[in-house]
Amino acid sequence: MTLFRLLKIELDMLKGNNINILLVEDNPGDIRLAREAFYNAGISDELFVATDGEEAIKFLFQTPPYADVPKPHLILLDLNLPKKSGKEILKVLKDDPTLSVIPVLILSTSKSQSDILWCYEHHANSYFSKPIDFDVFSVLIKSISQYWFEHASLTS
């Protein structure tokens, strides 16, 4: 972890600002991998998980039982979800004025050009194919966290 990242985390903690990440993923193995990868990348901020599309929508609109959860600063979204698909969630997010500013990174097993094109046409910020190998997944998460939490500016 860089000195810059350590200072940024300390400053955020002094201000009471955590970086909140919402992972929308239904596969328990992928959830575990993501948690471990974020931990290995030195991300100690809040990682919230929604395991289906309806839960994600409730979380994002802060409806019970999620009335007191913070808005996420970054969303990692799988496309293949039960109840509501990732595409449906992306459309809802980007159609809502308060949620549309949250960066949405698609993290999917689909490598279909039509899925990739659809996501970018609907304003996804990035599209990543989910690596199967944990080491490759860790490198991806580290790259994502370096870009979004060290270099980019996120809304509060």
Protein backbone atom coordinates (compact mmCIF):
# COMPACT_ATOMS: atom_id res chain seq x y z
CA MET A 1 0.00 0.00 0.00
CA THR A 2 1.36 3.40 -0.93
CA LEU A 3 2.01 6.18 1.54
CA PHE A 4 -0.57 8.24 -0.37
CA ARG A 5 -3.22 5.54 0.19
CA LEU A 6 -2.38 5.32 3.90
CA LEU A 7 -2.66 9.10 4.30
CA LYS A 8 -5.92 9.16 2.33
CA ILE A 9 -7.41 6.42 4.53
CA GLU A 10 -6.33 8.30 7.68
CA LEU A 11 -7.80 11.56 6.35
CA ASP A 12 -11.04 9.84 5.39
CA MET A 13 -11.28 8.28 8.85
CA LEU A 14 -10.70 11.64 10.53
CA LYS A 15 -13.47 13.13 8.41
CA GLY A 16 -15.71 10.15 9.13
CA ASN A 17 -15.74 9.19 5.45
CA ASN A 18 -15.45 5.56 4.49
CA ILE A 19 -15.33 4.42 0.93
CA ASN A 20 -18.43 2.27 0.55
CA ILE A 21 -18.43 -0.41 -2.12
CA LEU A 22 -21.51 -2.37 -3.16
CA LEU A 23 -20.82 -5.78 -4.67
CA VAL A 24 -23.88 -7.20 -6.42
CA GLU A 25 -23.06 -10.88 -6.78
CA ASP A 26 -25.01 -14.09 -6.19
CA ASN A 27 -22.14 -16.59 -6.24
CA PRO A 28 -20.83 -17.24 -2.69
CA GLY A 29 -17.42 -18.27 -4.05
CA ASP A 30 -17.07 -15.03 -6.02
CA ILE A 31 -18.16 -13.02 -2.97
CA ARG A 32 -15.47 -14.71 -0.87
CA LEU A 33 -12.86 -14.09 -3.58
CA ALA A 34 -13.84 -10.42 -3.79
CA ARG A 35 -13.63 -9.97 -0.01
CA GLU A 36 -10.19 -11.60 0.09
CA ALA A 37 -8.97 -9.66 -2.94
CA PHE A 38 -10.07 -6.32 -1.45
CA TYR A 39 -8.44 -7.26 1.85
CA ASN A 40 -5.21 -8.20 0.05
CA ALA A 41 -5.33 -4.90 -1.85
CA GLY A 42 -5.39 -3.05 1.46
CA ILE A 43 -8.99 -1.91 1.16
CA SER A 44 -10.38 -1.85 4.65
CA ASP A 45 -13.39 0.23 3.76
CA GLU A 46 -16.96 -1.02 3.76
CA LEU A 47 -17.81 -3.78 1.30
CA PHE A 48 -21.55 -4.36 1.19
CA VAL A 49 -22.98 -7.33 -0.69
CA ALA A 50 -26.37 -7.77 -2.36
CA THR A 51 -26.96 -11.32 -3.55
CA ASP A 52 -29.79 -10.68 -6.02
CA GLY A 53 -31.17 -7.86 -8.12
CA GLU A 54 -34.11 -7.01 -5.89
CA GLU A 55 -31.86 -6.77 -2.82
CA ALA A 56 -29.54 -4.46 -4.75
CA ILE A 57 -32.43 -2.14 -5.68
CA LYS A 58 -33.64 -2.03 -2.05
CA PHE A 59 -30.09 -1.26 -0.91
CA LEU A 60 -29.57 1.49 -3.48
CA PHE A 61 -32.90 3.20 -2.75
CA GLN A 62 -32.39 2.66 1.00
CA THR A 63 -35.72 0.94 1.50
CA PRO A 64 -36.23 -1.37 4.51
CA PRO A 65 -34.30 -3.21 5.72
CA TYR A 66 -31.64 -0.94 4.19
CA ALA A 67 -32.96 2.43 5.32
CA ASP A 68 -29.78 3.25 7.26
CA VAL A 69 -27.11 2.03 4.85
CA PRO A 70 -24.84 4.57 3.18
CA LYS A 71 -24.95 5.20 -0.55
CA PRO A 72 -22.09 3.36 -2.21
CA HIS A 73 -19.25 5.27 -3.83
CA LEU A 74 -18.61 2.42 -6.26
CA ILE A 75 -20.68 -0.54 -7.50
CA LEU A 76 -19.34 -3.86 -8.78
CA LEU A 77 -22.20 -5.47 -10.66
CA ASP A 78 -22.60 -8.98 -12.02
CA LEU A 79 -24.93 -9.33 -15.00
CA ASN A 80 -26.36 -12.78 -14.27
CA LEU A 81 -28.40 -12.37 -11.10
CA PRO A 82 -31.60 -13.86 -9.74
CA LYS A 83 -34.80 -11.78 -9.47
CA LYS A 84 -33.50 -8.78 -11.46
CA SER A 85 -30.62 -8.96 -13.90
CA GLY A 86 -27.55 -6.79 -13.77
CA LYS A 87 -28.76 -5.08 -16.94
CA GLU A 88 -32.03 -4.13 -15.23
CA ILE A 89 -30.10 -2.75 -12.26
CA LEU A 90 -27.73 -0.77 -14.49
CA LYS A 91 -30.71 0.77 -16.31
CA VAL A 92 -32.39 1.73 -13.01
CA LEU A 93 -29.14 3.24 -11.72
CA LYS A 94 -28.40 5.31 -14.77
CA ASP A 95 -32.03 6.52 -15.08
CA ASP A 96 -32.05 7.88 -11.52
CA PRO A 97 -30.51 11.35 -11.12
CA THR A 98 -29.10 10.70 -7.64
CA LEU A 99 -27.72 7.23 -8.40
CA SER A 100 -26.50 7.86 -11.94
CA VAL A 101 -23.29 9.51 -10.69
CA ILE A 102 -22.13 6.36 -8.90
CA PRO A 103 -19.51 4.53 -10.99
CA VAL A 104 -20.71 1.07 -12.01
CA LEU A 105 -18.14 -1.55 -12.92
CA ILE A 106 -19.50 -4.67 -14.57
CA LEU A 107 -17.81 -7.83 -13.33
CA SER A 108 -19.26 -10.74 -15.29
CA THR A 109 -18.41 -14.16 -16.66
CA SER A 110 -20.00 -13.08 -19.96
CA LYS A 111 -17.55 -12.20 -22.69
CA SER A 112 -20.35 -11.58 -25.19
CA GLN A 113 -19.71 -8.53 -27.35
CA SER A 114 -23.44 -7.77 -27.27
CA ASP A 115 -23.40 -7.70 -23.43
CA ILE A 116 -20.29 -5.50 -23.39
CA LEU A 117 -21.76 -3.10 -25.96
CA TRP A 118 -25.13 -2.97 -24.15
CA CYS A 119 -23.44 -2.10 -20.85
CA TYR A 120 -21.37 0.70 -22.34
CA GLU A 121 -24.41 2.04 -24.22
CA HIS A 122 -26.16 2.19 -20.84
CA HIS A 123 -23.27 4.07 -19.23
CA ALA A 124 -21.37 1.38 -17.34
CA ASN A 125 -18.00 2.84 -16.37
CA SER A 126 -16.05 -0.36 -17.08
CA TYR A 127 -16.63 -3.95 -18.10
CA PHE A 128 -14.42 -6.73 -16.73
CA SER A 129 -14.57 -10.43 -17.43
CA LYS A 130 -14.41 -12.29 -14.13
CA PRO A 131 -11.13 -14.15 -13.80
CA ILE A 132 -11.38 -17.69 -12.45
CA ASP A 133 -7.90 -17.70 -10.94
CA PHE A 134 -7.66 -16.00 -7.52
CA ASP A 135 -4.27 -14.42 -8.23
CA VAL A 136 -5.54 -12.86 -11.46
CA PHE A 137 -8.73 -11.74 -9.66
CA SER A 138 -6.59 -10.14 -6.92
CA VAL A 139 -4.55 -8.23 -9.50
CA LEU A 140 -7.78 -6.99 -11.10
CA ILE A 141 -9.22 -5.82 -7.75
CA LYS A 142 -5.93 -4.15 -6.84
CA SER A 143 -5.94 -2.32 -10.19
CA ILE A 144 -9.56 -1.25 -9.70
CA SER A 145 -8.89 -0.01 -6.18
CA GLN A 146 -5.73 1.86 -7.21
CA TYR A 147 -7.55 3.64 -10.01
CA TRP A 148 -10.79 4.46 -8.21
CA PHE A 149 -9.45 5.11 -4.70
CA GLU A 150 -6.02 6.61 -5.36
CA HIS A 151 -6.36 8.44 -8.68
CA ALA A 152 -10.03 9.13 -9.44
CA SER A 153 -12.26 11.51 -7.51
CA LEU A 154 -15.51 10.00 -6.24
CA THR A 155 -18.65 11.82 -5.17
CA SER A 156 -19.55 11.79 -1.50
